[in-house]
């Protein structure tokens, strides 16, 4: 269990929530945070794919111009 999960469990138990429910809530929050991190990486990868595609297209265009001329 990470430090953040321990803090969430302690906060929930201090206000009277059972430890089992507090652990479930901490796990749900951790899962939500992990999913949001993955979506950020996916959008970065999409931009990199476009950049690579543009780079390859320009390289092919330059090579064609060089050798066809």
PDB file of N, CA and C in Angstrom:
ATOM      1  N   UNK A   1       0.854  -1.168   0.000  1.00  0.00           N
ATOM      2  CA  UNK A   1       0.000   0.000   0.000  1.00  0.00           C
ATOM      3  C   UNK A   1       0.900   1.230   0.000  1.00  0.00           C
ATOM      4  N   UNK A   2       0.574   2.174  -0.883  1.00  0.00           N
ATOM      5  CA  UNK A   2       1.401   3.374  -0.998  1.00  0.00           C
ATOM      6  C   UNK A   2       1.094   4.357   0.132  1.00  0.00           C
ATOM      7  N   UNK A   3       1.929   5.371   0.221  1.00  0.00           N
ATOM      8  CA  UNK A   3       1.769   6.375   1.268  1.00  0.00           C
ATOM      9  C   UNK A   3       0.441   7.111   1.120  1.00  0.00           C
ATOM     10  N   UNK A   4       0.079   7.406  -0.131  1.00  0.00           N
ATOM     11  CA  UNK A   4      -1.184   8.104  -0.363  1.00  0.00           C
ATOM     12  C   UNK A   4      -2.373   7.258   0.078  1.00  0.00           C
ATOM     13  N   UNK A   5      -2.310   5.949  -0.205  1.00  0.00           N
ATOM     14  CA  UNK A   5      -3.402   5.069   0.215  1.00  0.00           C
ATOM     15  C   UNK A   5      -3.507   5.009   1.735  1.00  0.00           C
ATOM     16  N   UNK A   6      -2.367   4.955   2.415  1.00  0.00           N
ATOM     17  CA  UNK A   6      -2.367   4.922   3.878  1.00  0.00           C
ATOM     18  C   UNK A   6      -2.986   6.198   4.426  1.00  0.00           C
ATOM     19  N   UNK A   7      -2.643   7.334   3.830  1.00  0.00           N
ATOM     20  CA  UNK A   7      -3.210   8.602   4.294  1.00  0.00           C
ATOM     21  C   UNK A   7      -4.720   8.647   4.081  1.00  0.00           C
ATOM     22  N   UNK A   8      -5.190   8.128   2.949  1.00  0.00           N
ATOM     23  CA  UNK A   8      -6.635   8.109   2.681  1.00  0.00           C
ATOM     24  C   UNK A   8      -7.343   7.204   3.676  1.00  0.00           C
ATOM     25  N   UNK A   9      -6.780   6.026   3.932  1.00  0.00           N
ATOM     26  CA  UNK A   9      -7.389   5.094   4.888  1.00  0.00           C
ATOM     27  C   UNK A   9      -7.431   5.722   6.274  1.00  0.00           C
ATOM     28  N   UNK A  10      -6.344   6.358   6.698  1.00  0.00           N
ATOM     29  CA  UNK A  10      -6.321   7.001   8.013  1.00  0.00           C
ATOM     30  C   UNK A  10      -7.341   8.129   8.095  1.00  0.00           C
ATOM     31  N   UNK A  11      -7.480   8.907   7.017  1.00  0.00           N
ATOM     32  CA  UNK A  11      -8.443  10.008   7.033  1.00  0.00           C
ATOM     33  C   UNK A  11      -9.871   9.481   7.132  1.00  0.00           C
ATOM     34  N   UNK A  12     -10.171   8.428   6.370  1.00  0.00           N
ATOM     35  CA  UNK A  12     -11.527   7.880   6.413  1.00  0.00           C
ATOM     36  C   UNK A  12     -11.828   7.223   7.756  1.00  0.00           C
ATOM     37  N   UNK A  13     -10.857   6.495   8.301  1.00  0.00           N
ATOM     38  CA  UNK A  13     -11.116   5.843   9.590  1.00  0.00           C
ATOM     39  C   UNK A  13     -11.225   6.866  10.713  1.00  0.00           C
ATOM     40  N   UNK A  14     -10.571   8.003  10.592  1.00  0.00           N
ATOM     41  CA  UNK A  14     -10.665   9.018  11.637  1.00  0.00           C
ATOM     42  C   UNK A  14     -12.049   9.660  11.701  1.00  0.00           C
ATOM     43  N   UNK A  15     -12.794   9.596  10.593  1.00  0.00           N
ATOM     44  CA  UNK A  15     -14.152  10.164  10.613  1.00  0.00           C
ATOM     45  C   UNK A  15     -15.219   9.098  10.829  1.00  0.00           C
ATOM     46  N   UNK A  16     -14.789   7.857  11.132  1.00  0.00           N
ATOM     47  CA  UNK A  16     -15.743   6.830  11.530  1.00  0.00           C
ATOM     48  C   UNK A  16     -16.091   5.806  10.481  1.00  0.00           C
ATOM     49  N   UNK A  17     -15.434   5.790   9.353  1.00  0.00           N
ATOM     50  CA  UNK A  17     -15.700   4.787   8.316  1.00  0.00           C
ATOM     51  C   UNK A  17     -14.913   3.531   8.667  1.00  0.00           C
ATOM     52  N   UNK A  18     -15.504   2.374   8.414  1.00  0.00           N
ATOM     53  CA  UNK A  18     -14.831   1.110   8.739  1.00  0.00           C
ATOM     54  C   UNK A  18     -13.555   0.967   7.910  1.00  0.00           C
ATOM     55  N   UNK A  19     -12.570   0.298   8.453  1.00  0.00           N
ATOM     56  CA  UNK A  19     -11.301   0.136   7.726  1.00  0.00           C
ATOM     57  C   UNK A  19     -11.455  -0.564   6.372  1.00  0.00           C
ATOM     58  N   UNK A  20     -12.390  -1.521   6.286  1.00  0.00           N
ATOM     59  CA  UNK A  20     -12.591  -2.224   5.020  1.00  0.00           C
ATOM     60  C   UNK A  20     -13.094  -1.271   3.943  1.00  0.00           C
ATOM     61  N   UNK A  21     -14.066  -0.438   4.298  1.00  0.00           N
ATOM     62  CA  UNK A  21     -14.602   0.528   3.329  1.00  0.00           C
ATOM     63  C   UNK A  21     -13.563   1.595   3.004  1.00  0.00           C
ATOM     64  N   UNK A  22     -12.758   1.976   3.984  1.00  0.00           N
ATOM     65  CA  UNK A  22     -11.708   2.962   3.748  1.00  0.00           C
ATOM     66  C   UNK A  22     -10.658   2.414   2.784  1.00  0.00           C
ATOM     67  N   UNK A  23     -10.298   1.134   2.939  1.00  0.00           N
ATOM     68  CA  UNK A  23      -9.338   0.524   2.019  1.00  0.00           C
ATOM     69  C   UNK A  23      -9.905   0.420   0.613  1.00  0.00           C
ATOM     70  N   UNK A  24     -11.192   0.101   0.499  1.00  0.00           N
ATOM     71  CA  UNK A  24     -11.821   0.025  -0.817  1.00  0.00           C
ATOM     72  C   UNK A  24     -11.833   1.399  -1.494  1.00  0.00           C
ATOM     73  N   UNK A  25     -12.122   2.431  -0.734  1.00  0.00           N
ATOM     74  CA  UNK A  25     -12.124   3.785  -1.289  1.00  0.00           C
ATOM     75  C   UNK A  25     -10.723   4.198  -1.715  1.00  0.00           C
ATOM     76  N   UNK A  26      -9.728   3.862  -0.926  1.00  0.00           N
ATOM     77  CA  UNK A  26      -8.342   4.202  -1.271  1.00  0.00           C
ATOM     78  C   UNK A  26      -7.915   3.469  -2.541  1.00  0.00           C
ATOM     79  N   UNK A  27      -8.315   2.214  -2.680  1.00  0.00           N
ATOM     80  CA  UNK A  27      -7.975   1.454  -3.885  1.00  0.00           C
ATOM     81  C   UNK A  27      -8.663   2.051  -5.111  1.00  0.00           C
ATOM     82  N   UNK A  28      -9.915   2.483  -4.958  1.00  0.00           N
ATOM     83  CA  UNK A  28     -10.627   3.096  -6.079  1.00  0.00           C
ATOM     84  C   UNK A  28      -9.972   4.410  -6.496  1.00  0.00           C
ATOM     85  N   UNK A  29      -9.555   5.207  -5.539  1.00  0.00           N
ATOM     86  CA  UNK A  29      -8.871   6.464  -5.865  1.00  0.00           C
ATOM     87  C   UNK A  29      -7.535   6.201  -6.559  1.00  0.00           C
ATOM     88  N   UNK A  30      -6.818   5.204  -6.105  1.00  0.00           N
ATOM     89  CA  UNK A  30      -5.534   4.859  -6.716  1.00  0.00           C
ATOM     90  C   UNK A  30      -5.735   4.374  -8.154  1.00  0.00           C
ATOM     91  N   UNK A  31      -6.760   3.567  -8.377  1.00  0.00           N
ATOM     92  CA  UNK A  31      -7.054   3.068  -9.725  1.00  0.00           C
ATOM     93  C   UNK A  31      -7.414   4.219 -10.649  1.00  0.00           C
ATOM     94  N   UNK A  32      -8.201   5.163 -10.161  1.00  0.00           N
ATOM     95  CA  UNK A  32      -8.593   6.322 -10.972  1.00  0.00           C
ATOM     96  C   UNK A  32      -7.375   7.148 -11.351  1.00  0.00           C
ATOM     97  N   UNK A  33      -6.453   7.342 -10.411  1.00  0.00           N
ATOM     98  CA  UNK A  33      -5.245   8.111 -10.691  1.00  0.00           C
ATOM     99  C   UNK A  33      -4.372   7.397 -11.718  1.00  0.00           C
ATOM    100  N   UNK A  34      -4.280   6.084 -11.620  1.00  0.00           N
ATOM    101  CA  UNK A  34      -3.467   5.324 -12.569  1.00  0.00           C
ATOM    102  C   UNK A  34      -4.051   5.416 -13.968  1.00  0.00           C
ATOM    103  N   UNK A  35      -5.376   5.374 -14.088  1.00  0.00           N
ATOM    104  CA  UNK A  35      -6.006   5.471 -15.402  1.00  0.00           C
ATOM    105  C   UNK A  35      -5.806   6.842 -16.015  1.00  0.00           C
ATOM    106  N   UNK A  36      -5.816   7.888 -15.210  1.00  0.00           N
ATOM    107  CA  UNK A  36      -5.619   9.224 -15.764  1.00  0.00           C
ATOM    108  C   UNK A  36      -4.186   9.404 -16.243  1.00  0.00           C
ATOM    109  N   UNK A  37      -3.231   8.753 -15.597  1.00  0.00           N
ATOM    110  CA  UNK A  37      -1.846   8.803 -16.052  1.00  0.00           C
ATOM    111  C   UNK A  37      -1.687   8.124 -17.406  1.00  0.00           C
ATOM    112  N   UNK A  38      -2.369   7.018 -17.603  1.00  0.00           N
ATOM    113  CA  UNK A  38      -2.273   6.282 -18.863  1.00  0.00           C
ATOM    114  C   UNK A  38      -2.874   7.086 -20.004  1.00  0.00           C
ATOM    115  N   UNK A  39      -3.963   7.784 -19.766  1.00  0.00           N
ATOM    116  CA  UNK A  39      -4.570   8.559 -20.850  1.00  0.00           C
ATOM    117  C   UNK A  39      -3.659   9.697 -21.288  1.00  0.00           C
ATOM    118  N   UNK A  40      -2.899  10.269 -20.370  1.00  0.00           N
ATOM    119  CA  UNK A  40      -1.947  11.311 -20.739  1.00  0.00           C
ATOM    120  C   UNK A  40      -0.834  10.771 -21.615  1.00  0.00           C
ATOM    121  N   UNK A  41      -0.379   9.572 -21.311  1.00  0.00           N
ATOM    122  CA  UNK A  41       0.681   8.947 -22.109  1.00  0.00           C
ATOM    123  C   UNK A  41       0.150   8.603 -23.497  1.00  0.00           C
ATOM    124  N   UNK A  42      -1.092   8.130 -23.574  1.00  0.00           N
ATOM    125  CA  UNK A  42      -1.673   7.790 -24.869  1.00  0.00           C
ATOM    126  C   UNK A  42      -1.753   9.006 -25.778  1.00  0.00           C
ATOM    127  N   UNK A  43      -2.119  10.161 -25.247  1.00  0.00           N
ATOM    128  CA  UNK A  43      -2.207  11.351 -26.082  1.00  0.00           C
ATOM    129  C   UNK A  43      -0.828  11.796 -26.533  1.00  0.00           C
ATOM    130  N   UNK A  44       0.187  11.625 -25.679  1.00  0.00           N
ATOM    131  CA  UNK A  44       1.558  11.958 -26.081  1.00  0.00           C
ATOM    132  C   UNK A  44       2.042  11.041 -27.191  1.00  0.00           C
ATOM    133  N   UNK A  45       1.695   9.773 -27.118  1.00  0.00           N
ATOM    134  CA  UNK A  45       2.106   8.820 -28.143  1.00  0.00           C
ATOM    135  C   UNK A  45       1.429   9.159 -29.472  1.00  0.00           C
ATOM    136  N   UNK A  46       0.188   9.595 -29.431  1.00  0.00           N
ATOM    137  CA  UNK A  46      -0.513   9.963 -30.663  1.00  0.00           C
ATOM    138  C   UNK A  46       0.190  11.125 -31.356  1.00  0.00           C
ATOM    139  N   UNK A  47       0.619  12.114 -30.604  1.00  0.00           N
ATOM    140  CA  UNK A  47       1.348  13.244 -31.187  1.00  0.00           C
ATOM    141  C   UNK A  47       2.669  12.771 -31.781  1.00  0.00           C
ATOM    142  N   UNK A  48       3.357  11.887 -31.091  1.00  0.00           N
ATOM    143  CA  UNK A  48       4.631  11.377 -31.605  1.00  0.00           C
ATOM    144  C   UNK A  48       4.438  10.577 -32.889  1.00  0.00           C
ATOM    145  N   UNK A  49       3.332   9.851 -33.004  1.00  0.00           N
ATOM    146  CA  UNK A  49       3.057   9.111 -34.236  1.00  0.00           C
ATOM    147  C   UNK A  49       2.881  10.064 -35.412  1.00  0.00           C
ATOM    148  N   UNK A  50       2.158  11.157 -35.207  1.00  0.00           N
ATOM    149  CA  UNK A  50       1.991  12.145 -36.269  1.00  0.00           C
ATOM    150  C   UNK A  50       3.326  12.772 -36.648  1.00  0.00           C
ATOM    151  N   UNK A  51       4.146  13.066 -35.670  1.00  0.00           N
ATOM    152  CA  UNK A  51       5.458  13.659 -35.950  1.00  0.00           C
ATOM    153  C   UNK A  51       6.330  12.691 -36.748  1.00  0.00           C
ATOM    154  N   UNK A  52       6.323  11.428 -36.387  1.00  0.00           N
ATOM    155  CA  UNK A  52       7.106  10.426 -37.096  1.00  0.00           C
ATOM    156  C   UNK A  52       6.597  10.251 -38.522  1.00  0.00           C
ATOM    157  N   UNK A  53       5.279  10.202 -38.676  1.00  0.00           N
ATOM    158  CA  UNK A  53       4.698  10.072 -40.012  1.00  0.00           C
ATOM    159  C   UNK A  53       5.066  11.238 -40.912  1.00  0.00           C
ATOM    160  N   UNK A  54       5.010  12.447 -40.386  1.00  0.00           N
ATOM    161  CA  UNK A  54       5.383  13.634 -41.159  1.00  0.00           C
ATOM    162  C   UNK A  54       6.857  13.580 -41.533  1.00  0.00           C
ATOM    163  N   UNK A  55       7.695  13.180 -40.596  1.00  0.00           N
ATOM    164  CA  UNK A  55       9.133  13.087 -40.842  1.00  0.00           C
ATOM    165  C   UNK A  55       9.430  12.059 -41.937  1.00  0.00           C
ATOM    166  N   UNK A  56       8.798  10.910 -41.876  1.00  0.00           N
ATOM    167  CA  UNK A  56       9.014   9.881 -42.895  1.00  0.00           C
ATOM    168  C   UNK A  56       8.532  10.374 -44.258  1.00  0.00           C
ATOM    169  N   UNK A  57       7.376  11.018 -44.305  1.00  0.00           N
ATOM    170  CA  UNK A  57       6.854  11.523 -45.576  1.00  0.00           C
ATOM    171  C   UNK A  57       7.790  12.561 -46.185  1.00  0.00           C
ATOM    172  N   UNK A  58       8.303  13.463 -45.388  1.00  0.00           N
ATOM    173  CA  UNK A  58       9.215  14.484 -45.907  1.00  0.00           C
ATOM    174  C   UNK A  58      10.536  13.851 -46.369  1.00  0.00           C
ATOM    175  N   UNK A  59      11.027  12.859 -45.642  1.00  0.00           N
ATOM    176  CA  UNK A  59      12.265  12.180 -46.038  1.00  0.00           C
ATOM    177  C   UNK A  59      12.082  11.473 -47.374  1.00  0.00           C
ATOM    178  N   UNK A  60      10.975  10.786 -47.540  1.00  0.00           N
ATOM    179  CA  UNK A  60      10.687  10.106 -48.813  1.00  0.00           C
ATOM    180  C   UNK A  60      10.565  11.127 -49.932  1.00  0.00           C
ATOM    181  N   UNK A  61       9.915  12.254 -49.682  1.00  0.00           N
ATOM    182  CA  UNK A  61       9.771  13.291 -50.706  1.00  0.00           C
ATOM    183  C   UNK A  61      11.129  13.835 -51.133  1.00  0.00           C
ATOM    184  N   UNK A  62      12.004  14.093 -50.174  1.00  0.00           N
ATOM    185  CA  UNK A  62      13.344  14.604 -50.493  1.00  0.00           C
ATOM    186  C   UNK A  62      14.137  13.570 -51.278  1.00  0.00           C
ATOM    187  N   UNK A  63      14.077  12.301 -50.863  1.00  0.00           N
ATOM    188  CA  UNK A  63      14.815  11.253 -51.583  1.00  0.00           C
ATOM    189  C   UNK A  63      14.279  11.071 -53.001  1.00  0.00           C
ATOM    190  N   UNK A  64      12.980  11.110 -53.160  1.00  0.00           N
ATOM    191  CA  UNK A  64      12.402  11.000 -54.511  1.00  0.00           C
ATOM    192  C   UNK A  64      12.841  12.155 -55.382  1.00  0.00           C
ATOM    193  N   UNK A  65      12.812  13.352 -54.847  1.00  0.00           N
ATOM    194  CA  UNK A  65      13.235  14.534 -55.597  1.00  0.00           C
ATOM    195  C   UNK A  65      14.712  14.424 -55.977  1.00  0.00           C
ATOM    196  N   UNK A  66      15.520  13.878 -55.071  1.00  0.00           N
ATOM    197  CA  UNK A  66      16.944  13.749 -55.308  1.00  0.00           C
ATOM    198  C   UNK A  66      17.247  12.748 -56.418  1.00  0.00           C
ATOM    199  N   UNK A  67      16.593  11.584 -56.362  1.00  0.00           N
ATOM    200  CA  UNK A  67      16.936  10.537 -57.307  1.00  0.00           C
ATOM    201  C   UNK A  67      16.128  10.581 -58.609  1.00  0.00           C
ATOM    202  N   UNK A  68      14.970  11.185 -58.623  1.00  0.00           N
ATOM    203  CA  UNK A  68      14.156  11.240 -59.831  1.00  0.00           C
ATOM    204  C   UNK A  68      14.618  12.384 -60.705  1.00  0.00           C
ATOM    205  N   UNK A  69      15.157  13.398 -60.135  1.00  0.00           N
ATOM    206  CA  UNK A  69      15.595  14.562 -60.884  1.00  0.00           C
ATOM    207  C   UNK A  69      16.641  14.160 -61.856  1.00  0.00           C
TER     208      UNK A  69
END
